Amino acid sequence: MTAAVRHQLRSMPVLRFFADDTLDHVFKMEELFKKIEEERKANGEQ
Protein backbone atom coordinates (compact mmCIF):
# COMPACT_ATOMS: atom_id res chain seq x y z
CA MET A 1 0.00 0.00 0.00
CA THR A 2 2.89 2.35 0.73
CA ALA A 3 4.13 2.15 -2.86
CA ALA A 4 0.69 3.08 -4.20
CA VAL A 5 0.39 6.31 -2.21
CA ARG A 6 4.04 7.28 -1.68
CA HIS A 7 3.75 10.44 -3.77
CA GLN A 8 0.52 11.52 -2.05
CA LEU A 9 1.56 11.17 1.59
CA ARG A 10 4.69 12.30 3.41
CA SER A 11 4.69 9.21 5.59
CA MET A 12 2.54 6.15 5.90
CA PRO A 13 0.44 6.29 9.10
CA VAL A 14 0.70 3.40 11.52
CA LEU A 15 -2.62 1.59 11.81
CA ARG A 16 -3.39 -0.28 15.00
CA PHE A 17 -6.29 -2.66 15.39
CA PHE A 18 -7.81 -4.01 18.57
CA ALA A 19 -10.56 -6.40 19.50
CA ASP A 20 -13.79 -4.54 20.17
CA ASP A 21 -15.80 -6.27 22.89
CA THR A 22 -18.51 -3.61 23.07
CA LEU A 23 -21.20 -6.00 21.85
CA ASP A 24 -20.35 -8.46 24.62
CA HIS A 25 -20.99 -5.74 27.19
CA VAL A 26 -24.24 -4.74 25.48
CA PHE A 27 -25.54 -8.31 25.52
CA LYS A 28 -24.62 -8.72 29.20
CA MET A 29 -26.43 -5.50 30.08
CA GLU A 30 -29.52 -6.54 28.11
CA GLU A 31 -29.62 -9.86 29.96
CA LEU A 32 -29.37 -8.06 33.31
CA PHE A 33 -32.20 -5.70 32.37
CA LYS A 34 -34.36 -8.66 31.32
CA LYS A 35 -33.70 -10.38 34.65
CA ILE A 36 -34.57 -7.22 36.58
CA GLU A 37 -37.78 -6.82 34.59
CA GLU A 38 -38.75 -10.48 35.15
CA GLU A 39 -38.08 -10.17 38.90
CA ARG A 40 -40.19 -7.03 39.11
CA LYS A 41 -43.06 -8.71 37.28
CA ALA A 42 -42.78 -11.75 39.57
CA ASN A 43 -42.93 -9.48 42.63
CA GLY A 44 -45.87 -7.48 41.27
CA GLU A 45 -43.86 -4.27 40.80
CA GLN A 46 -44.00 -1.99 37.79
PDB file of N, CA and C in Angstrom:
ATOM      1  N   MET A   1       0.833  -1.192   0.000  1.00  0.00           N
ATOM      2  CA  MET A   1       0.000   0.000   0.000  1.00  0.00           C
ATOM      3  C   MET A   1       0.878   1.256   0.000  1.00  0.00           C
ATOM      4  N   THR A   2       2.009   1.184   0.663  1.00  0.00           N
ATOM      5  CA  THR A   2       2.887   2.349   0.728  1.00  0.00           C
ATOM      6  C   THR A   2       3.336   2.781  -0.662  1.00  0.00           C
ATOM      7  N   ALA A   3       3.661   1.822  -1.508  1.00  0.00           N
ATOM      8  CA  ALA A   3       4.129   2.152  -2.859  1.00  0.00           C
ATOM      9  C   ALA A   3       3.046   2.860  -3.668  1.00  0.00           C
ATOM     10  N   ALA A   4       1.790   2.506  -3.440  1.00  0.00           N
ATOM     11  CA  ALA A   4       0.687   3.080  -4.203  1.00  0.00           C
ATOM     12  C   ALA A   4       0.422   4.539  -3.842  1.00  0.00           C
ATOM     13  N   VAL A   5       0.711   4.944  -2.646  1.00  0.00           N
ATOM     14  CA  VAL A   5       0.394   6.310  -2.214  1.00  0.00           C
ATOM     15  C   VAL A   5       1.638   7.110  -1.818  1.00  0.00           C
ATOM     16  N   ARG A   6       2.824   6.632  -2.174  1.00  0.00           N
ATOM     17  CA  ARG A   6       4.044   7.280  -1.683  1.00  0.00           C
ATOM     18  C   ARG A   6       4.207   8.717  -2.158  1.00  0.00           C
ATOM     19  N   HIS A   7       3.629   9.071  -3.293  1.00  0.00           N
ATOM     20  CA  HIS A   7       3.749  10.441  -3.771  1.00  0.00           C
ATOM     21  C   HIS A   7       2.630  11.341  -3.226  1.00  0.00           C
ATOM     22  N   GLN A   8       1.644  10.750  -2.579  1.00  0.00           N
ATOM     23  CA  GLN A   8       0.520  11.522  -2.054  1.00  0.00           C
ATOM     24  C   GLN A   8       0.668  11.835  -0.564  1.00  0.00           C
ATOM     25  N   LEU A   9       1.386  10.991   0.151  1.00  0.00           N
ATOM     26  CA  LEU A   9       1.559  11.174   1.590  1.00  0.00           C
ATOM     27  C   LEU A   9       3.029  11.363   1.928  1.00  0.00           C
ATOM     28  N   ARG A  10       3.301  12.121   2.971  1.00  0.00           N
ATOM     29  CA  ARG A  10       4.689  12.295   3.409  1.00  0.00           C
ATOM     30  C   ARG A  10       5.195  11.048   4.123  1.00  0.00           C
ATOM     31  N   SER A  11       4.335  10.453   4.912  1.00  0.00           N
ATOM     32  CA  SER A  11       4.694   9.210   5.595  1.00  0.00           C
ATOM     33  C   SER A  11       3.451   8.354   5.737  1.00  0.00           C
ATOM     34  N   MET A  12       3.658   7.072   5.769  1.00  0.00           N
ATOM     35  CA  MET A  12       2.536   6.148   5.902  1.00  0.00           C
ATOM     36  C   MET A  12       2.133   6.083   7.369  1.00  0.00           C
ATOM     37  N   PRO A  13       0.870   6.353   7.697  1.00  0.00           N
ATOM     38  CA  PRO A  13       0.443   6.293   9.105  1.00  0.00           C
ATOM     39  C   PRO A  13       0.456   4.847   9.612  1.00  0.00           C
ATOM     40  N   VAL A  14       0.707   4.708  10.892  1.00  0.00           N
ATOM     41  CA  VAL A  14       0.699   3.398  11.522  1.00  0.00           C
ATOM     42  C   VAL A  14      -0.735   3.090  11.949  1.00  0.00           C
ATOM     43  N   LEU A  15      -1.257   1.989  11.465  1.00  0.00           N
ATOM     44  CA  LEU A  15      -2.619   1.586  11.815  1.00  0.00           C
ATOM     45  C   LEU A  15      -2.548   0.520  12.893  1.00  0.00           C
ATOM     46  N   ARG A  16      -3.336   0.706  13.923  1.00  0.00           N
ATOM     47  CA  ARG A  16      -3.389  -0.281  15.004  1.00  0.00           C
ATOM     48  C   ARG A  16      -4.820  -0.762  15.147  1.00  0.00           C
ATOM     49  N   PHE A  17      -4.971  -2.052  15.247  1.00  0.00           N
ATOM     50  CA  PHE A  17      -6.287  -2.664  15.393  1.00  0.00           C
ATOM     51  C   PHE A  17      -6.386  -3.322  16.762  1.00  0.00           C
ATOM     52  N   PHE A  18      -7.579  -3.360  17.292  1.00  0.00           N
ATOM     53  CA  PHE A  18      -7.805  -4.012  18.566  1.00  0.00           C
ATOM     54  C   PHE A  18      -9.161  -4.690  18.546  1.00  0.00           C
ATOM     55  N   ALA A  19      -9.297  -5.671  19.397  1.00  0.00           N
ATOM     56  CA  ALA A  19     -10.558  -6.396  19.498  1.00  0.00           C
ATOM     57  C   ALA A  19     -11.582  -5.512  20.203  1.00  0.00           C
ATOM     58  N   ASP A  20     -12.729  -5.359  19.601  1.00  0.00           N
ATOM     59  CA  ASP A  20     -13.792  -4.537  20.167  1.00  0.00           C
ATOM     60  C   ASP A  20     -14.812  -5.455  20.829  1.00  0.00           C
ATOM     61  N   ASP A  21     -14.882  -5.403  22.143  1.00  0.00           N
ATOM     62  CA  ASP A  21     -15.803  -6.267  22.885  1.00  0.00           C
ATOM     63  C   ASP A  21     -17.040  -5.507  23.366  1.00  0.00           C
ATOM     64  N   THR A  22     -17.364  -4.421  22.692  1.00  0.00           N
ATOM     65  CA  THR A  22     -18.515  -3.606  23.071  1.00  0.00           C
ATOM     66  C   THR A  22     -19.805  -4.412  23.014  1.00  0.00           C
ATOM     67  N   LEU A  23     -19.974  -5.218  21.976  1.00  0.00           N
ATOM     68  CA  LEU A  23     -21.203  -5.997  21.847  1.00  0.00           C
ATOM     69  C   LEU A  23     -21.365  -6.986  22.990  1.00  0.00           C
ATOM     70  N   ASP A  24     -20.263  -7.541  23.471  1.00  0.00           N
ATOM     71  CA  ASP A  24     -20.346  -8.460  24.615  1.00  0.00           C
ATOM     72  C   ASP A  24     -20.935  -7.742  25.825  1.00  0.00           C
ATOM     73  N   HIS A  25     -20.479  -6.524  26.062  1.00  0.00           N
ATOM     74  CA  HIS A  25     -20.993  -5.741  27.194  1.00  0.00           C
ATOM     75  C   HIS A  25     -22.470  -5.399  26.992  1.00  0.00           C
ATOM     76  N   VAL A  26     -22.837  -5.081  25.770  1.00  0.00           N
ATOM     77  CA  VAL A  26     -24.235  -4.744  25.476  1.00  0.00           C
ATOM     78  C   VAL A  26     -25.133  -5.945  25.762  1.00  0.00           C
ATOM     79  N   PHE A  27     -24.721  -7.115  25.304  1.00  0.00           N
ATOM     80  CA  PHE A  27     -25.536  -8.313  25.519  1.00  0.00           C
ATOM     81  C   PHE A  27     -25.653  -8.639  27.007  1.00  0.00           C
ATOM     82  N   LYS A  28     -24.568  -8.470  27.761  1.00  0.00           N
ATOM     83  CA  LYS A  28     -24.620  -8.725  29.202  1.00  0.00           C
ATOM     84  C   LYS A  28     -25.585  -7.756  29.886  1.00  0.00           C
ATOM     85  N   MET A  29     -25.537  -6.492  29.491  1.00  0.00           N
ATOM     86  CA  MET A  29     -26.433  -5.500  30.083  1.00  0.00           C
ATOM     87  C   MET A  29     -27.886  -5.806  29.740  1.00  0.00           C
ATOM     88  N   GLU A  30     -28.150  -6.205  28.498  1.00  0.00           N
ATOM     89  CA  GLU A  30     -29.519  -6.540  28.115  1.00  0.00           C
ATOM     90  C   GLU A  30     -30.039  -7.718  28.924  1.00  0.00           C
ATOM     91  N   GLU A  31     -29.202  -8.715  29.148  1.00  0.00           N
ATOM     92  CA  GLU A  31     -29.618  -9.858  29.961  1.00  0.00           C
ATOM     93  C   GLU A  31     -29.926  -9.431  31.393  1.00  0.00           C
ATOM     94  N   LEU A  32     -29.110  -8.549  31.953  1.00  0.00           N
ATOM     95  CA  LEU A  32     -29.366  -8.060  33.308  1.00  0.00           C
ATOM     96  C   LEU A  32     -30.680  -7.293  33.381  1.00  0.00           C
ATOM     97  N   PHE A  33     -30.936  -6.455  32.392  1.00  0.00           N
ATOM     98  CA  PHE A  33     -32.196  -5.701  32.373  1.00  0.00           C
ATOM     99  C   PHE A  33     -33.397  -6.638  32.251  1.00  0.00           C
ATOM    100  N   LYS A  34     -33.271  -7.686  31.455  1.00  0.00           N
ATOM    101  CA  LYS A  34     -34.360  -8.661  31.321  1.00  0.00           C
ATOM    102  C   LYS A  34     -34.614  -9.355  32.652  1.00  0.00           C
ATOM    103  N   LYS A  35     -33.540  -9.727  33.352  1.00  0.00           N
ATOM    104  CA  LYS A  35     -33.701 -10.383  34.649  1.00  0.00           C
ATOM    105  C   LYS A  35     -34.376  -9.456  35.655  1.00  0.00           C
ATOM    106  N   ILE A  36     -33.968  -8.194  35.666  1.00  0.00           N
ATOM    107  CA  ILE A  36     -34.572  -7.221  36.578  1.00  0.00           C
ATOM    108  C   ILE A  36     -36.059  -7.070  36.268  1.00  0.00           C
ATOM    109  N   GLU A  37     -36.384  -6.968  34.978  1.00  0.00           N
ATOM    110  CA  GLU A  37     -37.785  -6.822  34.586  1.00  0.00           C
ATOM    111  C   GLU A  37     -38.607  -8.049  34.986  1.00  0.00           C
ATOM    112  N   GLU A  38     -38.048  -9.245  34.781  1.00  0.00           N
ATOM    113  CA  GLU A  38     -38.755 -10.476  35.153  1.00  0.00           C
ATOM    114  C   GLU A  38     -38.962 -10.549  36.668  1.00  0.00           C
ATOM    115  N   GLU A  39     -37.950 -10.149  37.441  1.00  0.00           N
ATOM    116  CA  GLU A  39     -38.080 -10.174  38.897  1.00  0.00           C
ATOM    117  C   GLU A  39     -39.139  -9.177  39.370  1.00  0.00           C
ATOM    118  N   ARG A  40     -39.191  -8.025  38.722  1.00  0.00           N
ATOM    119  CA  ARG A  40     -40.188  -7.033  39.113  1.00  0.00           C
ATOM    120  C   ARG A  40     -41.584  -7.525  38.792  1.00  0.00           C
ATOM    121  N   LYS A  41     -41.755  -8.167  37.646  1.00  0.00           N
ATOM    122  CA  LYS A  41     -43.063  -8.714  37.284  1.00  0.00           C
ATOM    123  C   LYS A  41     -43.455  -9.826  38.247  1.00  0.00           C
ATOM    124  N   ALA A  42     -42.512 -10.644  38.641  1.00  0.00           N
ATOM    125  CA  ALA A  42     -42.779 -11.748  39.571  1.00  0.00           C
ATOM    126  C   ALA A  42     -43.185 -11.211  40.952  1.00  0.00           C
ATOM    127  N   ASN A  43     -42.628 -10.059  41.332  1.00  0.00           N
ATOM    128  CA  ASN A  43     -42.927  -9.476  42.628  1.00  0.00           C
ATOM    129  C   ASN A  43     -44.120  -8.521  42.572  1.00  0.00           C
ATOM    130  N   GLY A  44     -44.716  -8.344  41.406  1.00  0.00           N
ATOM    131  CA  GLY A  44     -45.872  -7.476  41.271  1.00  0.00           C
ATOM    132  C   GLY A  44     -45.537  -6.003  41.199  1.00  0.00           C
ATOM    133  N   GLU A  45     -44.274  -5.672  40.928  1.00  0.00           N
ATOM    134  CA  GLU A  45     -43.863  -4.274  40.799  1.00  0.00           C
ATOM    135  C   GLU A  45     -43.990  -3.835  39.354  1.00  0.00           C
ATOM    136  N   GLN A  46     -43.932  -2.521  39.168  1.00  0.00           N
ATOM    137  CA  GLN A  46     -43.995  -1.987  37.794  1.00  0.00           C
ATOM    138  C   GLN A  46     -42.655  -1.535  37.329  1.00  0.00           C
TER     139      GLN A  46
END
